[in-house]
């Protein structure tokens, strides 16, 4: 049986924490920042943990069992 390949896009966007949770970055923080408030940009800068509803899907993309 062939190896299962990790999704390259997911590999770049998600990372594991020490406890096994999956970290993600917030969207809307890469461009068109002039119209966003300082508070909004500051809050988008923090790392978030993925929601439990998406956990299985992301783990399959990362080839984690």
PDB file of N, CA and C in Angstrom:
ATOM      1  N   UNK A   1       0.844  -1.183   0.000  1.00  0.00           N
ATOM      2  CA  UNK A   1       0.000   0.000   0.000  1.00  0.00           C
ATOM      3  C   UNK A   1       0.891   1.249   0.000  1.00  0.00           C
ATOM      4  N   UNK A   2       0.552   2.289  -0.795  1.00  0.00           N
ATOM      5  CA  UNK A   2       1.423   3.463  -0.861  1.00  0.00           C
ATOM      6  C   UNK A   2       1.339   4.324   0.396  1.00  0.00           C
ATOM      7  N   UNK A   3       2.350   5.174   0.542  1.00  0.00           N
ATOM      8  CA  UNK A   3       2.357   6.115   1.658  1.00  0.00           C
ATOM      9  C   UNK A   3       1.234   7.127   1.475  1.00  0.00           C
ATOM     10  N   UNK A   4       0.718   7.649   2.564  1.00  0.00           N
ATOM     11  CA  UNK A   4      -0.297   8.693   2.522  1.00  0.00           C
ATOM     12  C   UNK A   4       0.434  10.027   2.611  1.00  0.00           C
ATOM     13  N   UNK A   5       0.188  10.916   1.663  1.00  0.00           N
ATOM     14  CA  UNK A   5       0.895  12.191   1.638  1.00  0.00           C
ATOM     15  C   UNK A   5       0.165  13.229   2.481  1.00  0.00           C
ATOM     16  N   UNK A   6       0.946  14.019   3.202  1.00  0.00           N
ATOM     17  CA  UNK A   6       0.419  15.144   3.959  1.00  0.00           C
ATOM     18  C   UNK A   6       0.036  16.249   2.992  1.00  0.00           C
ATOM     19  N   UNK A   7      -1.069  16.930   3.245  1.00  0.00           N
ATOM     20  CA  UNK A   7      -1.497  18.050   2.420  1.00  0.00           C
ATOM     21  C   UNK A   7      -0.533  19.217   2.635  1.00  0.00           C
ATOM     22  N   UNK A   8       0.111  19.679   1.566  1.00  0.00           N
ATOM     23  CA  UNK A   8       1.150  20.706   1.678  1.00  0.00           C
ATOM     24  C   UNK A   8       0.602  22.039   2.189  1.00  0.00           C
ATOM     25  N   UNK A   9      -0.614  22.388   1.792  1.00  0.00           N
ATOM     26  CA  UNK A   9      -1.205  23.633   2.263  1.00  0.00           C
ATOM     27  C   UNK A   9      -1.483  23.591   3.749  1.00  0.00           C
ATOM     28  N   UNK A  10      -1.989  22.465   4.229  1.00  0.00           N
ATOM     29  CA  UNK A  10      -2.281  22.316   5.658  1.00  0.00           C
ATOM     30  C   UNK A  10      -0.995  22.295   6.469  1.00  0.00           C
ATOM     31  N   UNK A  11       0.043  21.703   5.907  1.00  0.00           N
ATOM     32  CA  UNK A  11       1.332  21.613   6.586  1.00  0.00           C
ATOM     33  C   UNK A  11       1.879  23.004   6.903  1.00  0.00           C
ATOM     34  N   UNK A  12       1.623  23.962   5.991  1.00  0.00           N
ATOM     35  CA  UNK A  12       2.118  25.328   6.167  1.00  0.00           C
ATOM     36  C   UNK A  12       1.235  26.149   7.107  1.00  0.00           C
ATOM     37  N   UNK A  13      -0.040  25.782   7.229  1.00  0.00           N
ATOM     38  CA  UNK A  13      -0.994  26.617   7.956  1.00  0.00           C
ATOM     39  C   UNK A  13      -1.262  26.189   9.387  1.00  0.00           C
ATOM     40  N   UNK A  14      -1.010  24.942   9.716  1.00  0.00           N
ATOM     41  CA  UNK A  14      -1.332  24.435  11.044  1.00  0.00           C
ATOM     42  C   UNK A  14      -0.080  23.909  11.731  1.00  0.00           C
ATOM     43  N   UNK A  15      -0.091  23.964  13.070  1.00  0.00           N
ATOM     44  CA  UNK A  15       1.021  23.430  13.857  1.00  0.00           C
ATOM     45  C   UNK A  15       0.453  22.787  15.111  1.00  0.00           C
ATOM     46  N   UNK A  16       1.156  21.820  15.628  1.00  0.00           N
ATOM     47  CA  UNK A  16       0.717  21.139  16.843  1.00  0.00           C
ATOM     48  C   UNK A  16       1.293  21.821  18.070  1.00  0.00           C
ATOM     49  N   UNK A  17       0.514  21.845  19.138  1.00  0.00           N
ATOM     50  CA  UNK A  17       1.016  22.308  20.427  1.00  0.00           C
ATOM     51  C   UNK A  17       1.630  21.117  21.149  1.00  0.00           C
ATOM     52  N   UNK A  18       2.220  21.365  22.293  1.00  0.00           N
ATOM     53  CA  UNK A  18       2.823  20.294  23.071  1.00  0.00           C
ATOM     54  C   UNK A  18       1.811  19.302  23.588  1.00  0.00           C
ATOM     55  N   UNK A  19       0.574  19.747  23.780  1.00  0.00           N
ATOM     56  CA  UNK A  19      -0.468  18.861  24.297  1.00  0.00           C
ATOM     57  C   UNK A  19      -1.257  18.174  23.190  1.00  0.00           C
ATOM     58  N   UNK A  20      -0.884  18.438  21.916  1.00  0.00           N
ATOM     59  CA  UNK A  20      -1.537  17.761  20.804  1.00  0.00           C
ATOM     60  C   UNK A  20      -2.674  18.526  20.161  1.00  0.00           C
ATOM     61  N   UNK A  21      -2.954  19.739  20.641  1.00  0.00           N
ATOM     62  CA  UNK A  21      -3.967  20.560  19.993  1.00  0.00           C
ATOM     63  C   UNK A  21      -3.380  21.152  18.721  1.00  0.00           C
ATOM     64  N   UNK A  22      -4.237  21.642  17.831  1.00  0.00           N
ATOM     65  CA  UNK A  22      -3.775  22.182  16.555  1.00  0.00           C
ATOM     66  C   UNK A  22      -3.971  23.697  16.554  1.00  0.00           C
ATOM     67  N   UNK A  23      -2.862  24.413  16.297  1.00  0.00           N
ATOM     68  CA  UNK A  23      -2.884  25.868  16.267  1.00  0.00           C
ATOM     69  C   UNK A  23      -3.142  26.348  14.850  1.00  0.00           C
ATOM     70  N   UNK A  24      -3.726  27.550  14.749  1.00  0.00           N
ATOM     71  CA  UNK A  24      -3.958  28.187  13.459  1.00  0.00           C
ATOM     72  C   UNK A  24      -3.800  29.689  13.623  1.00  0.00           C
ATOM     73  N   UNK A  25      -3.587  30.370  12.498  1.00  0.00           N
ATOM     74  CA  UNK A  25      -3.540  31.828  12.496  1.00  0.00           C
ATOM     75  C   UNK A  25      -4.914  32.375  12.122  1.00  0.00           C
ATOM     76  N   UNK A  26      -5.164  33.605  12.501  1.00  0.00           N
ATOM     77  CA  UNK A  26      -6.416  34.254  12.121  1.00  0.00           C
ATOM     78  C   UNK A  26      -6.353  34.722  10.667  1.00  0.00           C
ATOM     79  N   UNK A  27      -7.481  34.716  10.009  1.00  0.00           N
ATOM     80  CA  UNK A  27      -7.576  35.242   8.649  1.00  0.00           C
ATOM     81  C   UNK A  27      -7.674  36.765   8.698  1.00  0.00           C
ATOM     82  N   UNK A  28      -7.591  37.396   7.546  1.00  0.00           N
ATOM     83  CA  UNK A  28      -7.769  38.845   7.369  1.00  0.00           C
ATOM     84  C   UNK A  28      -6.658  39.669   8.020  1.00  0.00           C
ATOM     85  N   UNK A  29      -5.441  39.128   8.104  1.00  0.00           N
ATOM     86  CA  UNK A  29      -4.353  39.893   8.713  1.00  0.00           C
ATOM     87  C   UNK A  29      -3.154  40.008   7.768  1.00  0.00           C
ATOM     88  N   UNK A  30      -3.387  39.855   6.459  1.00  0.00           N
ATOM     89  CA  UNK A  30      -2.269  39.890   5.532  1.00  0.00           C
ATOM     90  C   UNK A  30      -2.238  41.149   4.659  1.00  0.00           C
ATOM     91  N   UNK A  31      -3.375  41.676   4.303  1.00  0.00           N
ATOM     92  CA  UNK A  31      -3.390  42.880   3.473  1.00  0.00           C
ATOM     93  C   UNK A  31      -4.673  43.662   3.710  1.00  0.00           C
ATOM     94  N   UNK A  32      -4.738  44.859   3.125  1.00  0.00           N
ATOM     95  CA  UNK A  32      -5.824  45.833   3.351  1.00  0.00           C
ATOM     96  C   UNK A  32      -5.969  46.103   4.855  1.00  0.00           C
ATOM     97  N   UNK A  33      -4.839  46.477   5.465  1.00  0.00           N
ATOM     98  CA  UNK A  33      -4.827  46.704   6.907  1.00  0.00           C
ATOM     99  C   UNK A  33      -5.111  48.151   7.279  1.00  0.00           C
ATOM    100  N   UNK A  34      -5.124  49.062   6.300  1.00  0.00           N
ATOM    101  CA  UNK A  34      -5.284  50.481   6.612  1.00  0.00           C
ATOM    102  C   UNK A  34      -6.677  50.802   7.145  1.00  0.00           C
ATOM    103  N   UNK A  35      -7.676  50.079   6.676  1.00  0.00           N
ATOM    104  CA  UNK A  35      -9.043  50.374   7.128  1.00  0.00           C
ATOM    105  C   UNK A  35      -9.423  49.630   8.408  1.00  0.00           C
ATOM    106  N   UNK A  36      -8.561  48.760   8.896  1.00  0.00           N
ATOM    107  CA  UNK A  36      -8.838  48.014  10.121  1.00  0.00           C
ATOM    108  C   UNK A  36      -8.277  48.771  11.317  1.00  0.00           C
ATOM    109  N   UNK A  37      -8.981  48.710  12.427  1.00  0.00           N
ATOM    110  CA  UNK A  37      -8.543  49.419  13.625  1.00  0.00           C
ATOM    111  C   UNK A  37      -7.354  48.718  14.258  1.00  0.00           C
ATOM    112  N   UNK A  38      -6.638  49.450  15.115  1.00  0.00           N
ATOM    113  CA  UNK A  38      -5.501  48.868  15.829  1.00  0.00           C
ATOM    114  C   UNK A  38      -5.939  47.673  16.663  1.00  0.00           C
ATOM    115  N   UNK A  39      -7.087  47.812  17.293  1.00  0.00           N
ATOM    116  CA  UNK A  39      -7.608  46.736  18.140  1.00  0.00           C
ATOM    117  C   UNK A  39      -7.896  45.483  17.314  1.00  0.00           C
ATOM    118  N   UNK A  40      -8.507  45.667  16.155  1.00  0.00           N
ATOM    119  CA  UNK A  40      -8.834  44.532  15.297  1.00  0.00           C
ATOM    120  C   UNK A  40      -7.570  43.830  14.821  1.00  0.00           C
ATOM    121  N   UNK A  41      -6.565  44.604  14.393  1.00  0.00           N
ATOM    122  CA  UNK A  41      -5.309  44.016  13.926  1.00  0.00           C
ATOM    123  C   UNK A  41      -4.575  43.306  15.062  1.00  0.00           C
ATOM    124  N   UNK A  42      -4.612  43.894  16.241  1.00  0.00           N
ATOM    125  CA  UNK A  42      -3.959  43.287  17.409  1.00  0.00           C
ATOM    126  C   UNK A  42      -4.615  41.957  17.761  1.00  0.00           C
ATOM    127  N   UNK A  43      -5.926  41.903  17.710  1.00  0.00           N
ATOM    128  CA  UNK A  43      -6.634  40.664  18.044  1.00  0.00           C
ATOM    129  C   UNK A  43      -6.453  39.592  16.976  1.00  0.00           C
ATOM    130  N   UNK A  44      -6.257  39.990  15.732  1.00  0.00           N
ATOM    131  CA  UNK A  44      -6.021  39.027  14.660  1.00  0.00           C
ATOM    132  C   UNK A  44      -4.614  38.444  14.725  1.00  0.00           C
ATOM    133  N   UNK A  45      -3.724  39.101  15.447  1.00  0.00           N
ATOM    134  CA  UNK A  45      -2.327  38.673  15.510  1.00  0.00           C
ATOM    135  C   UNK A  45      -2.131  37.445  16.394  1.00  0.00           C
ATOM    136  N   UNK A  46      -3.069  37.168  17.291  1.00  0.00           N
ATOM    137  CA  UNK A  46      -2.929  36.045  18.218  1.00  0.00           C
ATOM    138  C   UNK A  46      -3.163  34.713  17.513  1.00  0.00           C
ATOM    139  N   UNK A  47      -2.521  33.687  18.030  1.00  0.00           N
ATOM    140  CA  UNK A  47      -2.708  32.332  17.514  1.00  0.00           C
ATOM    141  C   UNK A  47      -3.947  31.743  18.173  1.00  0.00           C
ATOM    142  N   UNK A  48      -4.733  30.988  17.406  1.00  0.00           N
ATOM    143  CA  UNK A  48      -5.951  30.376  17.923  1.00  0.00           C
ATOM    144  C   UNK A  48      -5.846  28.858  17.831  1.00  0.00           C
ATOM    145  N   UNK A  49      -6.658  28.178  18.606  1.00  0.00           N
ATOM    146  CA  UNK A  49      -6.773  26.721  18.541  1.00  0.00           C
ATOM    147  C   UNK A  49      -7.959  26.398  17.640  1.00  0.00           C
ATOM    148  N   UNK A  50      -7.809  25.400  16.768  1.00  0.00           N
ATOM    149  CA  UNK A  50      -8.915  25.086  15.863  1.00  0.00           C
ATOM    150  C   UNK A  50     -10.110  24.553  16.641  1.00  0.00           C
ATOM    151  N   UNK A  51     -11.278  24.764  16.102  1.00  0.00           N
ATOM    152  CA  UNK A  51     -12.518  24.336  16.727  1.00  0.00           C
ATOM    153  C   UNK A  51     -12.622  22.811  16.699  1.00  0.00           C
ATOM    154  N   UNK A  52     -13.325  22.273  17.664  1.00  0.00           N
ATOM    155  CA  UNK A  52     -13.463  20.814  17.764  1.00  0.00           C
ATOM    156  C   UNK A  52     -14.197  20.221  16.567  1.00  0.00           C
ATOM    157  N   UNK A  53     -15.057  21.024  15.911  1.00  0.00           N
ATOM    158  CA  UNK A  53     -15.783  20.515  14.746  1.00  0.00           C
ATOM    159  C   UNK A  53     -14.878  20.304  13.539  1.00  0.00           C
ATOM    160  N   UNK A  54     -13.742  21.007  13.500  1.00  0.00           N
ATOM    161  CA  UNK A  54     -12.803  20.885  12.382  1.00  0.00           C
ATOM    162  C   UNK A  54     -11.614  19.986  12.697  1.00  0.00           C
ATOM    163  N   UNK A  55     -11.525  19.494  13.916  1.00  0.00           N
ATOM    164  CA  UNK A  55     -10.337  18.755  14.358  1.00  0.00           C
ATOM    165  C   UNK A  55     -10.083  17.509  13.514  1.00  0.00           C
ATOM    166  N   UNK A  56     -11.098  16.715  13.262  1.00  0.00           N
ATOM    167  CA  UNK A  56     -10.920  15.467  12.508  1.00  0.00           C
ATOM    168  C   UNK A  56     -10.472  15.746  11.083  1.00  0.00           C
ATOM    169  N   UNK A  57     -11.073  16.736  10.451  1.00  0.00           N
ATOM    170  CA  UNK A  57     -10.741  17.090   9.073  1.00  0.00           C
ATOM    171  C   UNK A  57      -9.286  17.552   8.947  1.00  0.00           C
ATOM    172  N   UNK A  58      -8.837  18.397   9.867  1.00  0.00           N
ATOM    173  CA  UNK A  58      -7.465  18.903   9.812  1.00  0.00           C
ATOM    174  C   UNK A  58      -6.473  17.791  10.123  1.00  0.00           C
ATOM    175  N   UNK A  59      -6.806  16.927  11.058  1.00  0.00           N
ATOM    176  CA  UNK A  59      -5.907  15.813  11.384  1.00  0.00           C
ATOM    177  C   UNK A  59      -5.736  14.875  10.187  1.00  0.00           C
ATOM    178  N   UNK A  60      -6.783  14.690   9.400  1.00  0.00           N
ATOM    179  CA  UNK A  60      -6.661  13.865   8.199  1.00  0.00           C
ATOM    180  C   UNK A  60      -5.784  14.532   7.157  1.00  0.00           C
ATOM    181  N   UNK A  61      -5.884  15.861   7.021  1.00  0.00           N
ATOM    182  CA  UNK A  61      -5.028  16.580   6.082  1.00  0.00           C
ATOM    183  C   UNK A  61      -3.555  16.497   6.495  1.00  0.00           C
ATOM    184  N   UNK A  62      -3.312  16.493   7.811  1.00  0.00           N
ATOM    185  CA  UNK A  62      -1.939  16.435   8.311  1.00  0.00           C
ATOM    186  C   UNK A  62      -1.447  15.001   8.477  1.00  0.00           C
ATOM    187  N   UNK A  63      -2.289  14.035   8.152  1.00  0.00           N
ATOM    188  CA  UNK A  63      -1.960  12.601   8.294  1.00  0.00           C
ATOM    189  C   UNK A  63      -1.616  12.252   9.737  1.00  0.00           C
ATOM    190  N   UNK A  64      -2.421  12.746  10.666  1.00  0.00           N
ATOM    191  CA  UNK A  64      -2.267  12.406  12.084  1.00  0.00           C
ATOM    192  C   UNK A  64      -3.371  11.439  12.458  1.00  0.00           C
ATOM    193  N   UNK A  65      -3.057  10.478  13.239  1.00  0.00           N
ATOM    194  CA  UNK A  65      -4.075   9.510  13.627  1.00  0.00           C
ATOM    195  C   UNK A  65      -4.422   9.604  15.087  1.00  0.00           C
TER     196      UNK A  65
END
